[in-house]
Amino acid sequence: MKPTRQLPRLGMRVQISHFSGDVEDGAITAIHDEGRRVVVDCADGPLEFVLSRASAQFLGVEAARDARLHLPASDGARRDGQI
């Protein structure tokens, strides 16, 4: 069975959507907790995201609380609004 979502990888290019509607590009620089917590380097510096059990999306923590992380869709993953 293939995963239903793309798994984060070091160096992976991602997009960050902010509540304000701004979108910025970044790259994953660290992965923790078996892929459930990631650090992304972007224009404003590093931001931390954690995988939400409720929505299965990476949501920002602390300074990035209003942000959502979008991983690129893999060939076998569902697209469900992810890029």
PDB file of N, CA and C in Angstrom:
ATOM      1  N   MET A   1       0.850  -1.175   0.000  1.00  0.00           N
ATOM      2  CA  MET A   1       0.000   0.000   0.000  1.00  0.00           C
ATOM      3  C   MET A   1       0.892   1.234   0.000  1.00  0.00           C
ATOM      4  N   LYS A   2       0.587   2.174  -0.880  1.00  0.00           N
ATOM      5  CA  LYS A   2       1.364   3.404  -0.963  1.00  0.00           C
ATOM      6  C   LYS A   2       0.864   4.398   0.082  1.00  0.00           C
ATOM      7  N   PRO A   3       1.748   5.310   0.539  1.00  0.00           N
ATOM      8  CA  PRO A   3       1.302   6.318   1.507  1.00  0.00           C
ATOM      9  C   PRO A   3       0.251   7.233   0.881  1.00  0.00           C
ATOM     10  N   THR A   4      -0.634   7.757   1.710  1.00  0.00           N
ATOM     11  CA  THR A   4      -1.676   8.664   1.217  1.00  0.00           C
ATOM     12  C   THR A   4      -1.179  10.101   1.143  1.00  0.00           C
ATOM     13  N   ARG A   5       0.029  10.340   1.648  1.00  0.00           N
ATOM     14  CA  ARG A   5       0.600  11.678   1.553  1.00  0.00           C
ATOM     15  C   ARG A   5       2.085  11.563   1.293  1.00  0.00           C
ATOM     16  N   GLN A   6       2.640  12.601   0.735  1.00  0.00           N
ATOM     17  CA  GLN A   6       4.076  12.665   0.500  1.00  0.00           C
ATOM     18  C   GLN A   6       4.806  12.725   1.838  1.00  0.00           C
ATOM     19  N   LEU A   7       5.889  12.002   1.962  1.00  0.00           N
ATOM     20  CA  LEU A   7       6.693  12.048   3.175  1.00  0.00           C
ATOM     21  C   LEU A   7       7.761  13.123   3.025  1.00  0.00           C
ATOM     22  N   PRO A   8       8.021  13.897   4.076  1.00  0.00           N
ATOM     23  CA  PRO A   8       9.020  14.958   3.972  1.00  0.00           C
ATOM     24  C   PRO A   8      10.425  14.375   3.816  1.00  0.00           C
ATOM     25  N   ARG A   9      11.259  15.069   3.021  1.00  0.00           N
ATOM     26  CA  ARG A   9      12.649  14.679   2.818  1.00  0.00           C
ATOM     27  C   ARG A   9      13.527  15.917   2.979  1.00  0.00           C
ATOM     28  N   LEU A  10      14.726  15.727   3.495  1.00  0.00           N
ATOM     29  CA  LEU A  10      15.663  16.841   3.621  1.00  0.00           C
ATOM     30  C   LEU A  10      15.917  17.446   2.247  1.00  0.00           C
ATOM     31  N   GLY A  11      15.877  18.770   2.190  1.00  0.00           N
ATOM     32  CA  GLY A  11      16.114  19.481   0.939  1.00  0.00           C
ATOM     33  C   GLY A  11      14.892  19.630   0.060  1.00  0.00           C
ATOM     34  N   MET A  12      13.776  18.983   0.423  1.00  0.00           N
ATOM     35  CA  MET A  12      12.553  19.052  -0.386  1.00  0.00           C
ATOM     36  C   MET A  12      12.071  20.497  -0.490  1.00  0.00           C
ATOM     37  N   ARG A  13      11.751  20.923  -1.696  1.00  0.00           N
ATOM     38  CA  ARG A  13      11.188  22.259  -1.921  1.00  0.00           C
ATOM     39  C   ARG A  13       9.705  22.217  -1.542  1.00  0.00           C
ATOM     40  N   VAL A  14       9.253  23.208  -0.793  1.00  0.00           N
ATOM     41  CA  VAL A  14       7.877  23.260  -0.295  1.00  0.00           C
ATOM     42  C   VAL A  14       7.329  24.678  -0.448  1.00  0.00           C
ATOM     43  N   GLN A  15       6.036  24.817  -0.238  1.00  0.00           N
ATOM     44  CA  GLN A  15       5.405  26.133  -0.186  1.00  0.00           C
ATOM     45  C   GLN A  15       4.745  26.307   1.170  1.00  0.00           C
ATOM     46  N   ILE A  16       4.756  27.541   1.644  1.00  0.00           N
ATOM     47  CA  ILE A  16       4.145  27.900   2.919  1.00  0.00           C
ATOM     48  C   ILE A  16       3.028  28.891   2.629  1.00  0.00           C
ATOM     49  N   SER A  17       1.810  28.556   3.057  1.00  0.00           N
ATOM     50  CA  SER A  17       0.659  29.456   2.914  1.00  0.00           C
ATOM     51  C   SER A  17       0.371  30.081   4.266  1.00  0.00           C
ATOM     52  N   HIS A  18       0.298  31.409   4.287  1.00  0.00           N
ATOM     53  CA  HIS A  18      -0.014  32.126   5.516  1.00  0.00           C
ATOM     54  C   HIS A  18      -1.486  32.520   5.520  1.00  0.00           C
ATOM     55  N   PHE A  19      -2.037  32.710   6.709  1.00  0.00           N
ATOM     56  CA  PHE A  19      -3.440  33.094   6.861  1.00  0.00           C
ATOM     57  C   PHE A  19      -3.743  34.378   6.088  1.00  0.00           C
ATOM     58  N   SER A  20      -2.770  35.260   5.982  1.00  0.00           N
ATOM     59  CA  SER A  20      -2.947  36.538   5.284  1.00  0.00           C
ATOM     60  C   SER A  20      -3.101  36.360   3.783  1.00  0.00           C
ATOM     61  N   GLY A  21      -2.830  35.158   3.274  1.00  0.00           N
ATOM     62  CA  GLY A  21      -2.906  34.903   1.843  1.00  0.00           C
ATOM     63  C   GLY A  21      -1.542  34.891   1.172  1.00  0.00           C
ATOM     64  N   ASP A  22      -0.513  35.307   1.894  1.00  0.00           N
ATOM     65  CA  ASP A  22       0.836  35.277   1.340  1.00  0.00           C
ATOM     66  C   ASP A  22       1.306  33.829   1.187  1.00  0.00           C
ATOM     67  N   VAL A  23       2.076  33.593   0.150  1.00  0.00           N
ATOM     68  CA  VAL A  23       2.660  32.275  -0.097  1.00  0.00           C
ATOM     69  C   VAL A  23       4.150  32.468  -0.318  1.00  0.00           C
ATOM     70  N   GLU A  24       4.960  31.624   0.310  1.00  0.00           N
ATOM     71  CA  GLU A  24       6.405  31.701   0.099  1.00  0.00           C
ATOM     72  C   GLU A  24       6.984  30.309  -0.086  1.00  0.00           C
ATOM     73  N   ASP A  25       8.117  30.276  -0.765  1.00  0.00           N
ATOM     74  CA  ASP A  25       8.822  29.020  -1.003  1.00  0.00           C
ATOM     75  C   ASP A  25       9.832  28.770   0.101  1.00  0.00           C
ATOM     76  N   GLY A  26      10.161  27.515   0.306  1.00  0.00           N
ATOM     77  CA  GLY A  26      11.159  27.148   1.299  1.00  0.00           C
ATOM     78  C   GLY A  26      11.687  25.760   1.018  1.00  0.00           C
ATOM     79  N   ALA A  27      12.574  25.301   1.891  1.00  0.00           N
ATOM     80  CA  ALA A  27      13.145  23.964   1.768  1.00  0.00           C
ATOM     81  C   ALA A  27      13.249  23.350   3.159  1.00  0.00           C
ATOM     82  N   ILE A  28      12.961  22.067   3.254  1.00  0.00           N
ATOM     83  CA  ILE A  28      13.042  21.359   4.534  1.00  0.00           C
ATOM     84  C   ILE A  28      14.513  21.184   4.910  1.00  0.00           C
ATOM     85  N   THR A  29      14.864  21.656   6.114  1.00  0.00           N
ATOM     86  CA  THR A  29      16.255  21.568   6.580  1.00  0.00           C
ATOM     87  C   THR A  29      16.430  20.601   7.741  1.00  0.00           C
ATOM     88  N   ALA A  30      15.346  20.183   8.390  1.00  0.00           N
ATOM     89  CA  ALA A  30      15.433  19.223   9.492  1.00  0.00           C
ATOM     90  C   ALA A  30      14.116  18.468   9.598  1.00  0.00           C
ATOM     91  N   ILE A  31      14.225  17.200   9.978  1.00  0.00           N
ATOM     92  CA  ILE A  31      13.055  16.340  10.167  1.00  0.00           C
ATOM     93  C   ILE A  31      13.191  15.668  11.529  1.00  0.00           C
ATOM     94  N   HIS A  32      12.124  15.744  12.339  1.00  0.00           N
ATOM     95  CA  HIS A  32      12.134  15.169  13.686  1.00  0.00           C
ATOM     96  C   HIS A  32      10.888  14.312  13.895  1.00  0.00           C
ATOM     97  N   ASP A  33      10.870  13.546  14.966  1.00  0.00           N
ATOM     98  CA  ASP A  33       9.714  12.741  15.372  1.00  0.00           C
ATOM     99  C   ASP A  33       9.179  11.867  14.239  1.00  0.00           C
ATOM    100  N   GLU A  34      10.084  11.153  13.580  1.00  0.00           N
ATOM    101  CA  GLU A  34       9.708  10.227  12.501  1.00  0.00           C
ATOM    102  C   GLU A  34       8.903  10.905  11.397  1.00  0.00           C
ATOM    103  N   GLY A  35       9.267  12.146  11.075  1.00  0.00           N
ATOM    104  CA  GLY A  35       8.614  12.859   9.981  1.00  0.00           C
ATOM    105  C   GLY A  35       7.391  13.654  10.382  1.00  0.00           C
ATOM    106  N   ARG A  36       7.064  13.690  11.664  1.00  0.00           N
ATOM    107  CA  ARG A  36       5.872  14.427  12.108  1.00  0.00           C
ATOM    108  C   ARG A  36       6.177  15.885  12.450  1.00  0.00           C
ATOM    109  N   ARG A  37       7.446  16.259  12.519  1.00  0.00           N
ATOM    110  CA  ARG A  37       7.843  17.640  12.803  1.00  0.00           C
ATOM    111  C   ARG A  37       8.980  17.994  11.860  1.00  0.00           C
ATOM    112  N   VAL A  38       8.854  19.147  11.173  1.00  0.00           N
ATOM    113  CA  VAL A  38       9.879  19.567  10.221  1.00  0.00           C
ATOM    114  C   VAL A  38      10.243  21.024  10.445  1.00  0.00           C
ATOM    115  N   VAL A  39      11.459  21.374  10.044  1.00  0.00           N
ATOM    116  CA  VAL A  39      11.920  22.757  10.056  1.00  0.00           C
ATOM    117  C   VAL A  39      12.160  23.144   8.605  1.00  0.00           C
ATOM    118  N   VAL A  40      11.637  24.316   8.233  1.00  0.00           N
ATOM    119  CA  VAL A  40      11.734  24.799   6.865  1.00  0.00           C
ATOM    120  C   VAL A  40      12.488  26.120   6.857  1.00  0.00           C
ATOM    121  N   ASP A  41      13.471  26.236   5.978  1.00  0.00           N
ATOM    122  CA  ASP A  41      14.188  27.484   5.799  1.00  0.00           C
ATOM    123  C   ASP A  41      13.482  28.276   4.703  1.00  0.00           C
ATOM    124  N   CYS A  42      13.119  29.521   5.028  1.00  0.00           N
ATOM    125  CA  CYS A  42      12.435  30.380   4.066  1.00  0.00           C
ATOM    126  C   CYS A  42      13.006  31.792   4.183  1.00  0.00           C
ATOM    127  N   ALA A  43      12.427  32.732   3.461  1.00  0.00           N
ATOM    128  CA  ALA A  43      12.944  34.102   3.425  1.00  0.00           C
ATOM    129  C   ALA A  43      13.017  34.741   4.807  1.00  0.00           C
ATOM    130  N   ASP A  44      12.081  34.434   5.692  1.00  0.00           N
ATOM    131  CA  ASP A  44      12.054  35.024   7.034  1.00  0.00           C
ATOM    132  C   ASP A  44      12.853  34.227   8.059  1.00  0.00           C
ATOM    133  N   GLY A  45      13.600  33.219   7.605  1.00  0.00           N
ATOM    134  CA  GLY A  45      14.357  32.375   8.521  1.00  0.00           C
ATOM    135  C   GLY A  45      13.661  31.046   8.713  1.00  0.00           C
ATOM    136  N   PRO A  46      14.155  30.230   9.637  1.00  0.00           N
ATOM    137  CA  PRO A  46      13.567  28.896   9.827  1.00  0.00           C
ATOM    138  C   PRO A  46      12.203  28.953  10.524  1.00  0.00           C
ATOM    139  N   LEU A  47      11.285  28.136  10.033  1.00  0.00           N
ATOM    140  CA  LEU A  47       9.957  27.989  10.641  1.00  0.00           C
ATOM    141  C   LEU A  47       9.734  26.514  10.940  1.00  0.00           C
ATOM    142  N   GLU A  48       9.044  26.238  12.047  1.00  0.00           N
ATOM    143  CA  GLU A  48       8.784  24.856  12.446  1.00  0.00           C
ATOM    144  C   GLU A  48       7.325  24.499  12.198  1.00  0.00           C
ATOM    145  N   PHE A  49       7.099  23.275  11.714  1.00  0.00           N
ATOM    146  CA  PHE A  49       5.761  22.782  11.422  1.00  0.00           C
ATOM    147  C   PHE A  49       5.597  21.407  12.042  1.00  0.00           C
ATOM    148  N   VAL A  50       4.367  21.109  12.485  1.00  0.00           N
ATOM    149  CA  VAL A  50       4.064  19.805  13.059  1.00  0.00           C
ATOM    150  C   VAL A  50       2.858  19.228  12.324  1.00  0.00           C
ATOM    151  N   LEU A  51       2.860  17.912  12.137  1.00  0.00           N
ATOM    152  CA  LEU A  51       1.766  17.237  11.452  1.00  0.00           C
ATOM    153  C   LEU A  51       0.563  17.152  12.383  1.00  0.00           C
ATOM    154  N   SER A  52      -0.554  17.709  11.949  1.00  0.00           N
ATOM    155  CA  SER A  52      -1.786  17.687  12.735  1.00  0.00           C
ATOM    156  C   SER A  52      -2.447  16.317  12.622  1.00  0.00           C
ATOM    157  N   ARG A  53      -2.771  15.727  13.758  1.00  0.00           N
ATOM    158  CA  ARG A  53      -3.481  14.438  13.741  1.00  0.00           C
ATOM    159  C   ARG A  53      -4.899  14.606  13.205  1.00  0.00           C
ATOM    160  N   ALA A  54      -5.498  15.757  13.432  1.00  0.00           N
ATOM    161  CA  ALA A  54      -6.881  15.993  13.011  1.00  0.00           C
ATOM    162  C   ALA A  54      -7.007  16.203  11.500  1.00  0.00           C
ATOM    163  N   SER A  55      -6.072  16.947  10.910  1.00  0.00           N
ATOM    164  CA  SER A  55      -6.205  17.289   9.495  1.00  0.00           C
ATOM    165  C   SER A  55      -5.187  16.614   8.588  1.00  0.00           C
ATOM    166  N   ALA A  56      -4.172  15.970   9.161  1.00  0.00           N
ATOM    167  CA  ALA A  56      -3.092  15.339   8.395  1.00  0.00           C
ATOM    168  C   ALA A  56      -2.340  16.352   7.538  1.00  0.00           C
ATOM    169  N   GLN A  57      -2.293  17.601   7.994  1.00  0.00           N
ATOM    170  CA  GLN A  57      -1.532  18.648   7.315  1.00  0.00           C
ATOM    171  C   GLN A  57      -0.489  19.193   8.270  1.00  0.00           C
ATOM    172  N   PHE A  58       0.601  19.708   7.709  1.00  0.00           N
ATOM    173  CA  PHE A  58       1.626  20.328   8.532  1.00  0.00           C
ATOM    174  C   PHE A  58       1.213  21.755   8.852  1.00  0.00           C
ATOM    175  N   LEU A  59       1.084  22.053  10.151  1.00  0.00           N
ATOM    176  CA  LEU A  59       0.680  23.384  10.609  1.00  0.00           C
ATOM    177  C   LEU A  59       1.831  24.022  11.368  1.00  0.00           C
ATOM    178  N   GLY A  60       1.942  25.339  11.240  1.00  0.00           N
ATOM    179  CA  GLY A  60       3.019  26.059  11.892  1.00  0.00           C
ATOM    180  C   GLY A  60       2.864  26.080  13.404  1.00  0.00           C
ATOM    181  N   VAL A  61       3.994  26.169  14.092  1.00  0.00           N
ATOM    182  CA  VAL A  61       4.007  26.296  15.550  1.00  0.00           C
ATOM    183  C   VAL A  61       4.714  27.593  15.910  1.00  0.00           C
ATOM    184  N   GLU A  62       4.421  28.108  17.088  1.00  0.00           N
ATOM    185  CA  GLU A  62       5.012  29.325  17.632  1.00  0.00           C
ATOM    186  C   GLU A  62       4.908  30.478  16.633  1.00  0.00           C
ATOM    187  N   ALA A  63       6.022  30.960  16.113  1.00  0.00           N
ATOM    188  CA  ALA A  63       6.018  32.144  15.238  1.00  0.00           C
ATOM    189  C   ALA A  63       5.255  31.911  13.933  1.00  0.00           C
ATOM    190  N   ALA A  64       5.101  30.670  13.527  1.00  0.00           N
ATOM    191  CA  ALA A  64       4.441  30.353  12.257  1.00  0.00           C
ATOM    192  C   ALA A  64       3.033  29.801  12.457  1.00  0.00           C
ATOM    193  N   ARG A  65       2.381  30.144  13.577  1.00  0.00           N
ATOM    194  CA  ARG A  65       1.079  29.541  13.900  1.00  0.00           C
ATOM    195  C   ARG A  65       0.024  29.729  12.825  1.00  0.00           C
ATOM    196  N   ASP A  66       0.127  30.790  12.044  1.00  0.00           N
ATOM    197  CA  ASP A  66      -0.881  31.051  11.009  1.00  0.00           C
ATOM    198  C   ASP A  66      -0.532  30.388   9.684  1.00  0.00           C
ATOM    199  N   ALA A  67       0.506  29.566   9.630  1.00  0.00           N
ATOM    200  CA  ALA A  67       0.995  29.021   8.363  1.00  0.00           C
ATOM    201  C   ALA A  67       0.650  27.551   8.196  1.00  0.00           C
ATOM    202  N   ARG A  68       0.559  27.154   6.940  1.00  0.00           N
ATOM    203  CA  ARG A  68       0.327  25.757   6.563  1.00  0.00           C
ATOM    204  C   ARG A  68       1.392  25.380   5.535  1.00  0.00           C
ATOM    205  N   LEU A  69       1.971  24.214   5.710  1.00  0.00           N
ATOM    206  CA  LEU A  69       3.036  23.740   4.829  1.00  0.00           C
ATOM    207  C   LEU A  69       2.453  22.829   3.762  1.00  0.00           C
ATOM    208  N   HIS A  70       2.866  23.028   2.517  1.00  0.00           N
ATOM    209  CA  HIS A  70       2.409  22.197   1.403  1.00  0.00           C
ATOM    210  C   HIS A  70       3.601  21.463   0.809  1.00  0.00           C
ATOM    211  N   LEU A  71       3.545  20.137   0.862  1.00  0.00           N
ATOM    212  CA  LEU A  71       4.557  19.300   0.242  1.00  0.00           C
ATOM    213  C   LEU A  71       4.130  19.006  -1.186  1.00  0.00           C
ATOM    214  N   PRO A  72       5.077  18.804  -2.093  1.00  0.00           N
ATOM    215  CA  PRO A  72       4.676  18.430  -3.458  1.00  0.00           C
ATOM    216  C   PRO A  72       4.031  17.051  -3.435  1.00  0.00           C
ATOM    217  N   ALA A  73       3.052  16.823  -4.282  1.00  0.00           N
ATOM    218  CA  ALA A  73       2.362  15.528  -4.327  1.00  0.00           C
ATOM    219  C   ALA A  73       3.274  14.493  -4.974  1.00  0.00           C
ATOM    220  N   SER A  74       3.302  13.302  -4.410  1.00  0.00           N
ATOM    221  CA  SER A  74       4.050  12.203  -5.024  1.00  0.00           C
ATOM    222  C   SER A  74       3.151  11.521  -6.043  1.00  0.00           C
ATOM    223  N   ASP A  75       3.724  10.662  -6.840  1.00  0.00           N
ATOM    224  CA  ASP A  75       2.949   9.963  -7.869  1.00  0.00           C
ATOM    225  C   ASP A  75       1.801   9.161  -7.279  1.00  0.00           C
ATOM    226  N   GLY A  76       2.024   8.521  -6.103  1.00  0.00           N
ATOM    227  CA  GLY A  76       1.010   7.662  -5.522  1.00  0.00           C
ATOM    228  C   GLY A  76       0.158   8.348  -4.474  1.00  0.00           C
ATOM    229  N   ALA A  77       0.455   9.594  -4.146  1.00  0.00           N
ATOM    230  CA  ALA A  77      -0.272  10.279  -3.066  1.00  0.00           C
ATOM    231  C   ALA A  77      -1.523  10.948  -3.588  1.00  0.00           C
ATOM    232  N   ARG A  78      -2.523  11.076  -2.737  1.00  0.00           N
ATOM    233  CA  ARG A  78      -3.711  11.844  -3.066  1.00  0.00           C
ATOM    234  C   ARG A  78      -3.323  13.306  -3.153  1.00  0.00           C
ATOM    235  N   ARG A  79      -4.058  14.094  -3.906  1.00  0.00           N
ATOM    236  CA  ARG A  79      -3.719  15.495  -4.088  1.00  0.00           C
ATOM    237  C   ARG A  79      -4.462  16.381  -3.099  1.00  0.00           C
ATOM    238  N   ASP A  80      -5.609  16.067  -2.611  1.00  0.00           N
ATOM    239  CA  ASP A  80      -6.369  16.766  -1.571  1.00  0.00           C
ATOM    240  C   ASP A  80      -5.906  18.197  -1.263  1.00  0.00           C
ATOM    241  N   GLY A  81      -5.803  19.045  -2.261  1.00  0.00           N
ATOM    242  CA  GLY A  81      -5.435  20.423  -2.024  1.00  0.00           C
ATOM    243  C   GLY A  81      -3.960  20.643  -1.820  1.00  0.00           C
ATOM    244  N   GLN A  82      -3.175  19.604  -1.844  1.00  0.00           N
ATOM    245  CA  GLN A  82      -1.724  19.731  -1.693  1.00  0.00           C
ATOM    246  C   GLN A  82      -1.126  20.004  -3.074  1.00  0.00           C
ATOM    247  N   ILE A  83       0.019  20.652  -3.096  1.00  0.00           N
ATOM    248  CA  ILE A  83       0.660  20.937  -4.371  1.00  0.00           C
ATOM    249  C   ILE A  83       1.628  19.853  -4.749  1.00  0.00           C
TER     250      ILE A  83
END
